[in-house]
């Protein structure tokens, strides 16, 4: 049960926030950072935060890189403001 809730939360957060940025590179970078943070939290709940962060970064980067700006666009990334 705990793993299902964790997986659903991670998936929703990655999809909702993967579109941060205007270019594929920006979305991949922000998705990787968001995924790493979410993965570290999820991994900590399961006993291995480093593995969770690595998995979250890979998934978040992929989701962010393959999304389009018209899907979700929250503006310029923090590092470009």
C-alpha atoms as a PDB file:
ATOM      1  CA  UNK A   1       0.000   0.000   0.000  1.00  0.00           C
ATOM      2  CA  UNK A   2       2.771   2.439   0.944  1.00  0.00           C
ATOM      3  CA  UNK A   3       4.567   1.767  -2.330  1.00  0.00           C
ATOM      4  CA  UNK A   4       1.414   2.394  -4.372  1.00  0.00           C
ATOM      5  CA  UNK A   5       0.814   5.740  -2.683  1.00  0.00           C
ATOM      6  CA  UNK A   6       4.458   6.661  -3.150  1.00  0.00           C
ATOM      7  CA  UNK A   7       4.435   5.693  -6.814  1.00  0.00           C
ATOM      8  CA  UNK A   8       1.242   7.639  -7.478  1.00  0.00           C
ATOM      9  CA  UNK A   9       2.573  10.722  -5.694  1.00  0.00           C
ATOM     10  CA  UNK A  10       5.847  10.560  -7.587  1.00  0.00           C
ATOM     11  CA  UNK A  11       4.122  10.122 -10.940  1.00  0.00           C
ATOM     12  CA  UNK A  12       1.724  13.002 -10.353  1.00  0.00           C
ATOM     13  CA  UNK A  13       4.487  15.343  -9.212  1.00  0.00           C
ATOM     14  CA  UNK A  14       6.733  14.448 -12.152  1.00  0.00           C
ATOM     15  CA  UNK A  15       4.016  14.911 -14.729  1.00  0.00           C
ATOM     16  CA  UNK A  16       2.753  18.124 -13.138  1.00  0.00           C
ATOM     17  CA  UNK A  17       6.152  19.769 -12.843  1.00  0.00           C
ATOM     18  CA  UNK A  18       8.123  18.284 -15.720  1.00  0.00           C
ATOM     19  CA  UNK A  19       7.247  21.139 -18.058  1.00  0.00           C
ATOM     20  CA  UNK A  20       9.187  23.827 -16.172  1.00  0.00           C
ATOM     21  CA  UNK A  21      11.158  25.706 -18.808  1.00  0.00           C
ATOM     22  CA  UNK A  22      10.863  26.737 -22.407  1.00  0.00           C
ATOM     23  CA  UNK A  23      13.447  24.485 -24.094  1.00  0.00           C
ATOM     24  CA  UNK A  24      13.848  20.704 -23.933  1.00  0.00           C
ATOM     25  CA  UNK A  25      17.157  21.140 -22.082  1.00  0.00           C
ATOM     26  CA  UNK A  26      15.592  23.365 -19.444  1.00  0.00           C
ATOM     27  CA  UNK A  27      12.661  21.009 -18.977  1.00  0.00           C
ATOM     28  CA  UNK A  28      15.018  18.017 -18.726  1.00  0.00           C
ATOM     29  CA  UNK A  29      17.168  19.788 -16.126  1.00  0.00           C
ATOM     30  CA  UNK A  30      14.258  20.988 -14.018  1.00  0.00           C
ATOM     31  CA  UNK A  31      12.533  17.608 -14.348  1.00  0.00           C
ATOM     32  CA  UNK A  32      15.712  15.856 -13.206  1.00  0.00           C
ATOM     33  CA  UNK A  33      16.040  18.145 -10.182  1.00  0.00           C
ATOM     34  CA  UNK A  34      12.398  17.759  -9.229  1.00  0.00           C
ATOM     35  CA  UNK A  35      12.591  14.004  -9.793  1.00  0.00           C
ATOM     36  CA  UNK A  36      15.739  13.692  -7.716  1.00  0.00           C
ATOM     37  CA  UNK A  37      14.085  15.501  -4.826  1.00  0.00           C
ATOM     38  CA  UNK A  38      10.912  13.447  -5.036  1.00  0.00           C
ATOM     39  CA  UNK A  39      12.918  10.255  -5.493  1.00  0.00           C
ATOM     40  CA  UNK A  40      15.096  11.010  -2.473  1.00  0.00           C
ATOM     41  CA  UNK A  41      12.011  11.452  -0.311  1.00  0.00           C
ATOM     42  CA  UNK A  42      10.471   8.270  -1.676  1.00  0.00           C
ATOM     43  CA  UNK A  43      13.738   6.389  -1.321  1.00  0.00           C
ATOM     44  CA  UNK A  44      14.085   7.565   2.266  1.00  0.00           C
ATOM     45  CA  UNK A  45      10.664   6.104   3.033  1.00  0.00           C
ATOM     46  CA  UNK A  46      11.783   2.799   1.545  1.00  0.00           C
ATOM     47  CA  UNK A  47      15.261   2.821   3.087  1.00  0.00           C
ATOM     48  CA  UNK A  48      17.515   3.953   0.220  1.00  0.00           C
ATOM     49  CA  UNK A  49      17.369   7.701  -0.533  1.00  0.00           C
ATOM     50  CA  UNK A  50      20.358   7.669  -2.902  1.00  0.00           C
ATOM     51  CA  UNK A  51      18.826   5.054  -5.190  1.00  0.00           C
ATOM     52  CA  UNK A  52      15.509   6.894  -5.041  1.00  0.00           C
ATOM     53  CA  UNK A  53      17.167  10.177  -6.002  1.00  0.00           C
ATOM     54  CA  UNK A  54      18.991   8.550  -8.917  1.00  0.00           C
ATOM     55  CA  UNK A  55      15.849   6.873 -10.229  1.00  0.00           C
ATOM     56  CA  UNK A  56      13.824  10.055  -9.771  1.00  0.00           C
ATOM     57  CA  UNK A  57      16.409  12.127 -11.616  1.00  0.00           C
ATOM     58  CA  UNK A  58      16.416   9.752 -14.586  1.00  0.00           C
ATOM     59  CA  UNK A  59      12.631   9.582 -14.806  1.00  0.00           C
ATOM     60  CA  UNK A  60      12.167  13.307 -14.191  1.00  0.00           C
ATOM     61  CA  UNK A  61      14.773  14.229 -16.770  1.00  0.00           C
ATOM     62  CA  UNK A  62      13.201  11.961 -19.354  1.00  0.00           C
ATOM     63  CA  UNK A  63       9.687  13.220 -18.695  1.00  0.00           C
ATOM     64  CA  UNK A  64      10.873  16.828 -18.764  1.00  0.00           C
ATOM     65  CA  UNK A  65      12.978  16.390 -21.878  1.00  0.00           C
ATOM     66  CA  UNK A  66      10.257  14.672 -23.864  1.00  0.00           C
ATOM     67  CA  UNK A  67       7.434  17.019 -22.846  1.00  0.00           C
ATOM     68  CA  UNK A  68       6.478  19.983 -24.984  1.00  0.00           C
ATOM     69  CA  UNK A  69       6.224  23.585 -23.787  1.00  0.00           C
ATOM     70  CA  UNK A  70       2.550  23.677 -24.700  1.00  0.00           C
ATOM     71  CA  UNK A  71       1.817  20.815 -22.306  1.00  0.00           C
ATOM     72  CA  UNK A  72       2.881  22.639 -19.154  1.00  0.00           C
ATOM     73  CA  UNK A  73       4.827  25.894 -19.159  1.00  0.00           C
ATOM     74  CA  UNK A  74       5.559  27.529 -15.826  1.00  0.00           C
ATOM     75  CA  UNK A  75       7.856  30.140 -17.371  1.00  0.00           C
ATOM     76  CA  UNK A  76      11.596  30.561 -17.299  1.00  0.00           C
ATOM     77  CA  UNK A  77      13.573  28.374 -14.879  1.00  0.00           C
ATOM     78  CA  UNK A  78      14.867  29.979 -11.702  1.00  0.00           C
ATOM     79  CA  UNK A  79      18.469  29.844 -12.950  1.00  0.00           C
ATOM     80  CA  UNK A  80      17.581  32.056 -15.962  1.00  0.00           C
ATOM     81  CA  UNK A  81      15.615  34.790 -14.180  1.00  0.00           C
END
